[in-house]
Structure formats: C-alpha cells, structure tokens
Protein backbone atom coordinates (compact mmCIF):
# COMPACT_ATOMS: atom_id res chain seq x y z
CA MET A 1 102.67 -36.64 20.73
CA VAL A 2 99.19 -37.62 19.57
CA MET A 3 97.68 -36.01 22.74
CA GLY A 4 99.60 -32.83 22.04
CA LEU A 5 98.22 -32.65 18.53
CA CYS A 6 94.70 -33.23 19.75
CA LEU A 7 95.04 -30.42 22.26
CA LEU A 8 96.29 -28.10 19.46
CA VAL A 9 93.37 -28.87 17.31
CA TYR A 10 90.98 -28.45 20.15
CA SER A 11 92.56 -25.04 21.07
CA LEU A 12 92.57 -23.71 17.52
CA GLY A 13 88.93 -24.68 17.08
CA GLN A 14 87.92 -22.96 20.35
CA ARG A 15 89.99 -19.83 19.37
CA ALA A 16 88.24 -19.78 16.00
CA LEU A 17 84.82 -19.97 17.64
CA HIS A 18 85.69 -17.18 20.09
CA GLN A 19 87.04 -14.96 17.31
CA ALA A 20 83.95 -15.59 15.05
CA LEU A 21 81.62 -14.60 18.00
CA ALA A 22 83.65 -11.56 18.80
CA GLN A 23 83.73 -10.47 15.16
CA ALA A 24 79.95 -10.88 14.80
CA LYS A 25 79.41 -9.37 18.29
CA GLN A 26 77.19 -12.32 19.09
CA THR A 27 76.91 -14.70 22.01
CA ILE A 28 75.69 -18.32 22.67
CA ASN A 29 73.52 -19.18 25.63
CA ASN A 30 75.23 -21.36 28.22
CA GLN A 31 73.54 -24.14 30.17
CA LEU A 32 71.65 -21.59 32.33
CA GLY A 33 70.35 -19.69 29.34
CA LYS A 34 72.66 -16.71 29.94
CA PRO A 35 74.49 -15.32 26.88
CA THR A 36 78.28 -15.88 26.79
CA SER A 37 80.96 -15.51 24.09
CA SER A 38 83.38 -17.93 25.71
CA ARG A 39 81.83 -21.35 25.38
CA THR A 40 84.28 -24.27 25.40
CA MET A 41 84.58 -26.65 22.53
CA ARG A 42 83.64 -29.49 24.95
CA TRP A 43 80.25 -27.88 25.56
CA ILE A 44 79.72 -27.29 21.79
CA PHE A 45 80.65 -30.99 21.12
CA GLN A 46 78.11 -32.07 23.82
CA CYS A 47 75.43 -29.85 22.31
CA PHE A 48 75.90 -31.62 18.96
CA MET A 49 75.89 -35.22 20.41
CA SER A 50 72.19 -35.89 19.81
CA ILE A 51 72.22 -35.04 16.02
CA HIS A 52 71.98 -38.10 13.82
CA LEU A 53 72.26 -38.83 10.10
CA VAL A 54 69.25 -40.99 8.92
CA THR A 55 68.99 -42.44 5.40
CA ILE A 56 65.57 -43.32 4.23
CA ALA A 57 65.03 -44.70 0.79
CA GLY A 58 68.43 -43.39 -0.19
CA VAL A 59 67.68 -39.87 1.00
CA LYS A 60 69.97 -38.53 3.78
CA GLN A 61 68.34 -36.46 6.44
CA ILE A 62 69.78 -34.90 9.62
CA THR A 63 67.62 -35.29 12.79
CA ASN A 64 67.53 -33.08 15.87
CA LEU A 65 69.24 -30.10 14.22
CA THR A 66 67.50 -27.40 16.20
CA ASP A 67 67.48 -23.61 15.51
CA GLU A 68 70.03 -23.14 18.32
CA ARG A 69 72.41 -25.62 16.83
CA GLN A 70 72.06 -24.05 13.36
CA TRP A 71 72.87 -20.72 15.13
CA ILE A 72 76.04 -22.15 16.59
CA LEU A 73 77.00 -23.71 13.18
CA GLN A 74 77.18 -20.30 11.54
CA PHE A 75 80.22 -19.44 13.74
CA LEU A 76 82.06 -22.67 12.90
CA ALA A 77 83.93 -23.51 9.69
CA ALA A 78 81.98 -23.93 6.41
CA THR A 79 82.94 -27.60 6.41
CA CYS A 80 80.85 -28.09 9.60
CA CYS A 81 77.69 -26.75 7.84
CA LYS A 82 78.43 -29.13 4.87
CA TYR A 83 78.85 -32.04 7.33
CA TYR A 84 75.26 -31.29 8.57
CA LEU A 85 74.01 -31.00 4.95
CA LEU A 86 73.24 -27.28 5.28
CA THR A 87 75.04 -26.17 2.13
C-alpha cells in the first residue's frame, strides 16, 4: 500500500511538471544537452542531489543552486522554491 502511494505521488509530480512545461511552451535539457519536455522525476531528483543547505553563523545558504536548477524550479510547485530559499 505504501509503494502504491509513493508511485501515485511520483506520477502526479511528473504529470504536473510536464503540464507546466507544456503550458509555458518550454523545455529542459536532457543529459545530452538536447531540449525535451518529458523529463522523468527521477532525473529531476538526481539533478538536485548535489544541492546542500549550509548554516554559517546562523545564516542559512543554499550551495550548488545553478541557473539550470533555478530554471527547473520555476516549473515545480511554489513550495519547492520556498524549500530552496528562493521566495
């Protein structure tokens, strides 16, 4: 049952991403640098694996948040941007 719920959440997230890309008429580059509008959530998750939250002297900072990752974040839910301290 838990696995079914996980697959549902994964599918809904992927569908929302594809719809946001289609609505904006935009694409995301794949591993080869070619534009595509049908990236999987697995690839998106892997893309964000090297981002870290660092706290120095009580100030939170996000490291490794590149322009490409910020571009992808605009197509995800607003809570994702908040998670990466962008709002």
